[in-house]
Amino acid sequence: MSTATLGRAPAVESTHESLYARVGILLGLKPAVHSELDLIKRLEKGLAIAAVQNLRMRVGLTDAETFELIAPRRTLSRREASGQLLSREEADKTVRVARVTARAQQVFGGKPDYATDWLRTAKSALGDRTPMQALLTESGALAVEELLVGIEYGMFA
């Protein structure tokens, strides 16, 4: 997988976009994603390695985060070299990271840098893990999303 310049592109165009539109932007999906059903259809067709590359660029995922949260370096490099689509599991993991990141950006008013910092700061509610570390599992992702809902509705400081 190419680790050339990963300059940050604007992750979000507007603070009023739906969660699904944000996920689509982070993954570089076209046409736009409008619903969970759109996402399901995309996953059923298969996700290209470009989705991981777009996510890395737009979220600023490090190599370590990418290879721990989505797939090992060799696997992603092999898929890129052969033009293979991501496996269903890899695609699910990619969408998980995009979904939680998009949700954080939504909660923090479309401020990608603030959301990125929040995702990389340990939280006692997550057993002193960072939200990014919690994304290793779907249960961890749900716990992070619960925290974000709490912040959005003023339940957590």
C-alpha atoms as a PDB file:
ATOM      1  CA  MET A   1       0.000   0.000   0.000  1.00  0.00           C
ATOM      2  CA  SER A   2       1.329   3.365  -0.935  1.00  0.00           C
ATOM      3  CA  THR A   3       2.261   5.490   2.053  1.00  0.00           C
ATOM      4  CA  ALA A   4       3.281   8.486  -0.026  1.00  0.00           C
ATOM      5  CA  THR A   5       2.117  11.904   1.011  1.00  0.00           C
ATOM      6  CA  LEU A   6      -1.049  11.654   2.976  1.00  0.00           C
ATOM      7  CA  GLY A   7      -1.907  15.343   2.940  1.00  0.00           C
ATOM      8  CA  ARG A   8      -5.228  16.061   4.522  1.00  0.00           C
ATOM      9  CA  ALA A   9      -8.054  16.883   2.167  1.00  0.00           C
ATOM     10  CA  PRO A  10     -11.141  18.535   3.555  1.00  0.00           C
ATOM     11  CA  ALA A  11     -13.017  15.690   5.205  1.00  0.00           C
ATOM     12  CA  VAL A  12     -16.368  17.391   5.299  1.00  0.00           C
ATOM     13  CA  GLU A  13     -17.975  19.883   2.982  1.00  0.00           C
ATOM     14  CA  SER A  14     -20.737  21.109   5.300  1.00  0.00           C
ATOM     15  CA  THR A  15     -21.750  20.728   8.926  1.00  0.00           C
ATOM     16  CA  HIS A  16     -25.325  19.935   7.826  1.00  0.00           C
ATOM     17  CA  GLU A  17     -24.580  16.748   5.881  1.00  0.00           C
ATOM     18  CA  SER A  18     -26.115  13.480   6.941  1.00  0.00           C
ATOM     19  CA  LEU A  19     -23.979  10.879   8.633  1.00  0.00           C
ATOM     20  CA  TYR A  20     -24.179   8.726   5.508  1.00  0.00           C
ATOM     21  CA  ALA A  21     -23.050  11.563   3.247  1.00  0.00           C
ATOM     22  CA  ARG A  22     -20.061  12.110   5.563  1.00  0.00           C
ATOM     23  CA  VAL A  23     -19.183   8.408   5.481  1.00  0.00           C
ATOM     24  CA  GLY A  24     -19.350   8.475   1.690  1.00  0.00           C
ATOM     25  CA  ILE A  25     -17.085  11.522   1.540  1.00  0.00           C
ATOM     26  CA  LEU A  26     -14.533   9.984   3.911  1.00  0.00           C
ATOM     27  CA  LEU A  27     -14.446   6.833   1.766  1.00  0.00           C
ATOM     28  CA  GLY A  28     -14.500   8.735  -1.527  1.00  0.00           C
ATOM     29  CA  LEU A  29     -17.665   6.952  -2.680  1.00  0.00           C
ATOM     30  CA  LYS A  30     -19.556   8.247  -5.692  1.00  0.00           C
ATOM     31  CA  PRO A  31     -22.456   8.685  -6.169  1.00  0.00           C
ATOM     32  CA  ALA A  32     -23.261  10.021  -2.714  1.00  0.00           C
ATOM     33  CA  VAL A  33     -24.394   7.721   0.067  1.00  0.00           C
ATOM     34  CA  HIS A  34     -27.823   8.650   1.442  1.00  0.00           C
ATOM     35  CA  SER A  35     -28.792   5.790   3.741  1.00  0.00           C
ATOM     36  CA  GLU A  36     -27.730   2.617   5.481  1.00  0.00           C
ATOM     37  CA  LEU A  37     -29.283   0.747   2.549  1.00  0.00           C
ATOM     38  CA  ASP A  38     -26.958   2.591   0.133  1.00  0.00           C
ATOM     39  CA  LEU A  39     -24.027   1.529   2.294  1.00  0.00           C
ATOM     40  CA  ILE A  40     -25.218  -2.088   2.358  1.00  0.00           C
ATOM     41  CA  LYS A  41     -25.508  -2.115  -1.436  1.00  0.00           C
ATOM     42  CA  ARG A  42     -21.970  -0.723  -1.764  1.00  0.00           C
ATOM     43  CA  LEU A  43     -20.605  -3.346   0.610  1.00  0.00           C
ATOM     44  CA  GLU A  44     -22.385  -6.130  -1.260  1.00  0.00           C
ATOM     45  CA  LYS A  45     -20.765  -5.005  -4.528  1.00  0.00           C
ATOM     46  CA  GLY A  46     -17.386  -4.797  -2.822  1.00  0.00           C
ATOM     47  CA  LEU A  47     -15.217  -1.914  -1.763  1.00  0.00           C
ATOM     48  CA  ALA A  48     -12.043  -1.035  -3.631  1.00  0.00           C
ATOM     49  CA  ILE A  49      -8.742  -0.415  -1.861  1.00  0.00           C
ATOM     50  CA  ALA A  50      -9.234   3.242  -2.837  1.00  0.00           C
ATOM     51  CA  ALA A  51     -11.774   3.503   0.003  1.00  0.00           C
ATOM     52  CA  VAL A  52      -9.000   2.755   2.510  1.00  0.00           C
ATOM     53  CA  GLN A  53      -6.665   5.210   0.794  1.00  0.00           C
ATOM     54  CA  ASN A  54      -9.338   7.928   0.838  1.00  0.00           C
ATOM     55  CA  LEU A  55     -10.075   7.259   4.497  1.00  0.00           C
ATOM     56  CA  ARG A  56      -6.359   7.441   5.358  1.00  0.00           C
ATOM     57  CA  MET A  57      -5.994  10.743   3.540  1.00  0.00           C
ATOM     58  CA  ARG A  58      -9.161  12.396   4.822  1.00  0.00           C
ATOM     59  CA  VAL A  59      -8.900  11.225   8.421  1.00  0.00           C
ATOM     60  CA  GLY A  60      -5.122  11.142   8.713  1.00  0.00           C
ATOM     61  CA  LEU A  61      -4.967   7.492   9.784  1.00  0.00           C
ATOM     62  CA  THR A  62      -1.450   6.433  10.597  1.00  0.00           C
ATOM     63  CA  ASP A  63       0.068   3.253   9.166  1.00  0.00           C
ATOM     64  CA  ALA A  64      -0.242   1.601  12.575  1.00  0.00           C
ATOM     65  CA  GLU A  65      -3.940   2.522  12.868  1.00  0.00           C
ATOM     66  CA  THR A  66      -4.696   1.371   9.324  1.00  0.00           C
ATOM     67  CA  PHE A  67      -2.926  -1.950   9.660  1.00  0.00           C
ATOM     68  CA  GLU A  68      -4.387  -2.649  13.096  1.00  0.00           C
ATOM     69  CA  LEU A  69      -7.970  -1.504  12.449  1.00  0.00           C
ATOM     70  CA  ILE A  70      -8.487  -2.649   8.843  1.00  0.00           C
ATOM     71  CA  ALA A  71      -5.942  -5.211   7.600  1.00  0.00           C
ATOM     72  CA  PRO A  72      -2.215  -5.988   7.700  1.00  0.00           C
ATOM     73  CA  ARG A  73       0.119  -4.082   5.388  1.00  0.00           C
ATOM     74  CA  ARG A  74       0.880  -7.151   3.236  1.00  0.00           C
ATOM     75  CA  THR A  75      -2.810  -7.867   2.690  1.00  0.00           C
ATOM     76  CA  LEU A  76      -3.617  -4.311   1.648  1.00  0.00           C
ATOM     77  CA  SER A  77      -0.505  -4.134  -0.557  1.00  0.00           C
ATOM     78  CA  ARG A  78      -1.460  -7.412  -2.248  1.00  0.00           C
ATOM     79  CA  ARG A  79      -5.030  -6.188  -2.860  1.00  0.00           C
ATOM     80  CA  GLU A  80      -3.722  -2.917  -4.288  1.00  0.00           C
ATOM     81  CA  ALA A  81      -1.180  -4.625  -6.569  1.00  0.00           C
ATOM     82  CA  SER A  82      -3.691  -7.152  -7.925  1.00  0.00           C
ATOM     83  CA  GLY A  83      -6.666  -4.786  -8.098  1.00  0.00           C
ATOM     84  CA  GLN A  84      -8.669  -6.986  -5.719  1.00  0.00           C
ATOM     85  CA  LEU A  85     -11.618  -5.645  -3.767  1.00  0.00           C
ATOM     86  CA  LEU A  86     -11.471  -5.627   0.022  1.00  0.00           C
ATOM     87  CA  SER A  87     -12.849  -8.722   1.716  1.00  0.00           C
ATOM     88  CA  ARG A  88     -16.251  -8.286   3.350  1.00  0.00           C
ATOM     89  CA  GLU A  89     -14.563  -8.146   6.777  1.00  0.00           C
ATOM     90  CA  GLU A  90     -12.019  -5.538   5.636  1.00  0.00           C
ATOM     91  CA  ALA A  91     -14.780  -3.459   4.028  1.00  0.00           C
ATOM     92  CA  ASP A  92     -16.850  -3.637   7.239  1.00  0.00           C
ATOM     93  CA  LYS A  93     -13.851  -2.498   9.287  1.00  0.00           C
ATOM     94  CA  THR A  94     -13.183   0.354   6.854  1.00  0.00           C
ATOM     95  CA  VAL A  95     -16.798   1.517   7.050  1.00  0.00           C
ATOM     96  CA  ARG A  96     -16.705   1.185  10.873  1.00  0.00           C
ATOM     97  CA  VAL A  97     -13.786   3.614  11.110  1.00  0.00           C
ATOM     98  CA  ALA A  98     -15.431   5.991   8.620  1.00  0.00           C
ATOM     99  CA  ARG A  99     -18.816   5.822  10.390  1.00  0.00           C
ATOM    100  CA  VAL A 100     -17.434   6.582  13.849  1.00  0.00           C
ATOM    101  CA  THR A 101     -15.157   9.315  12.506  1.00  0.00           C
ATOM    102  CA  ALA A 102     -18.070  10.885  10.610  1.00  0.00           C
ATOM    103  CA  ARG A 103     -20.188  10.726  13.766  1.00  0.00           C
ATOM    104  CA  ALA A 104     -17.433  12.437  15.783  1.00  0.00           C
ATOM    105  CA  GLN A 105     -17.150  15.170  13.147  1.00  0.00           C
ATOM    106  CA  GLN A 106     -20.913  15.632  13.281  1.00  0.00           C
ATOM    107  CA  VAL A 107     -20.969  15.861  17.087  1.00  0.00           C
ATOM    108  CA  PHE A 108     -18.046  18.290  17.148  1.00  0.00           C
ATOM    109  CA  GLY A 109     -19.606  20.628  14.594  1.00  0.00           C
ATOM    110  CA  GLY A 110     -17.749  19.534  11.500  1.00  0.00           C
ATOM    111  CA  LYS A 111     -14.345  20.272  13.035  1.00  0.00           C
ATOM    112  CA  PRO A 112     -12.282  17.370  11.680  1.00  0.00           C
ATOM    113  CA  ASP A 113      -9.135  18.241  13.655  1.00  0.00           C
ATOM    114  CA  TYR A 114     -11.014  18.381  16.969  1.00  0.00           C
ATOM    115  CA  ALA A 115     -12.804  15.126  16.173  1.00  0.00           C
ATOM    116  CA  THR A 116      -9.480  13.506  15.222  1.00  0.00           C
ATOM    117  CA  ASP A 117      -7.885  14.612  18.509  1.00  0.00           C
ATOM    118  CA  TRP A 118     -10.898  13.338  20.492  1.00  0.00           C
ATOM    119  CA  LEU A 119     -10.661   9.945  18.765  1.00  0.00           C
ATOM    120  CA  ARG A 120      -6.997   9.659  19.765  1.00  0.00           C
ATOM    121  CA  THR A 121      -7.345  10.662  23.436  1.00  0.00           C
ATOM    122  CA  ALA A 122      -7.875   7.961  26.069  1.00  0.00           C
ATOM    123  CA  LYS A 123     -11.299   7.901  27.726  1.00  0.00           C
ATOM    124  CA  SER A 124     -11.981   6.429  31.169  1.00  0.00           C
ATOM    125  CA  ALA A 125     -15.415   5.283  29.919  1.00  0.00           C
ATOM    126  CA  LEU A 126     -13.544   3.051  27.449  1.00  0.00           C
ATOM    127  CA  GLY A 127     -11.241   1.551  30.077  1.00  0.00           C
ATOM    128  CA  ASP A 128      -8.546   4.158  29.362  1.00  0.00           C
ATOM    129  CA  ARG A 129      -8.478   3.187  25.677  1.00  0.00           C
ATOM    130  CA  THR A 130      -8.657   5.738  22.919  1.00  0.00           C
ATOM    131  CA  PRO A 131     -11.808   5.622  20.802  1.00  0.00           C
ATOM    132  CA  MET A 132      -9.579   4.546  17.884  1.00  0.00           C
ATOM    133  CA  GLN A 133      -8.344   1.574  19.918  1.00  0.00           C
ATOM    134  CA  ALA A 134     -11.943   0.671  20.760  1.00  0.00           C
ATOM    135  CA  LEU A 135     -12.742   0.440  17.025  1.00  0.00           C
ATOM    136  CA  LEU A 136     -10.994  -2.933  16.880  1.00  0.00           C
ATOM    137  CA  THR A 137     -14.390  -4.491  17.613  1.00  0.00           C
ATOM    138  CA  GLU A 138     -17.968  -3.654  16.736  1.00  0.00           C
ATOM    139  CA  SER A 139     -18.774  -3.618  20.462  1.00  0.00           C
ATOM    140  CA  GLY A 140     -16.043  -1.056  20.980  1.00  0.00           C
ATOM    141  CA  ALA A 141     -17.412   1.032  18.109  1.00  0.00           C
ATOM    142  CA  LEU A 142     -20.866   0.953  19.720  1.00  0.00           C
ATOM    143  CA  ALA A 143     -19.349   2.114  23.022  1.00  0.00           C
ATOM    144  CA  VAL A 144     -17.662   5.030  21.225  1.00  0.00           C
ATOM    145  CA  GLU A 145     -20.916   5.931  19.485  1.00  0.00           C
ATOM    146  CA  GLU A 146     -22.713   5.879  22.854  1.00  0.00           C
ATOM    147  CA  LEU A 147     -20.122   8.310  24.208  1.00  0.00           C
ATOM    148  CA  LEU A 148     -20.664  10.586  21.221  1.00  0.00           C
ATOM    149  CA  VAL A 149     -24.438  10.527  21.714  1.00  0.00           C
ATOM    150  CA  GLY A 150     -23.866  11.431  25.361  1.00  0.00           C
ATOM    151  CA  ILE A 151     -21.695  14.371  24.368  1.00  0.00           C
ATOM    152  CA  GLU A 152     -24.172  15.497  21.728  1.00  0.00           C
ATOM    153  CA  TYR A 153     -27.015  15.542  24.236  1.00  0.00           C
ATOM    154  CA  GLY A 154     -24.976  17.002  27.095  1.00  0.00           C
ATOM    155  CA  MET A 155     -24.812  13.878  29.253  1.00  0.00           C
ATOM    156  CA  PHE A 156     -21.002  13.804  29.408  1.00  0.00           C
ATOM    157  CA  ALA A 157     -18.578  16.643  29.975  1.00  0.00           C
END
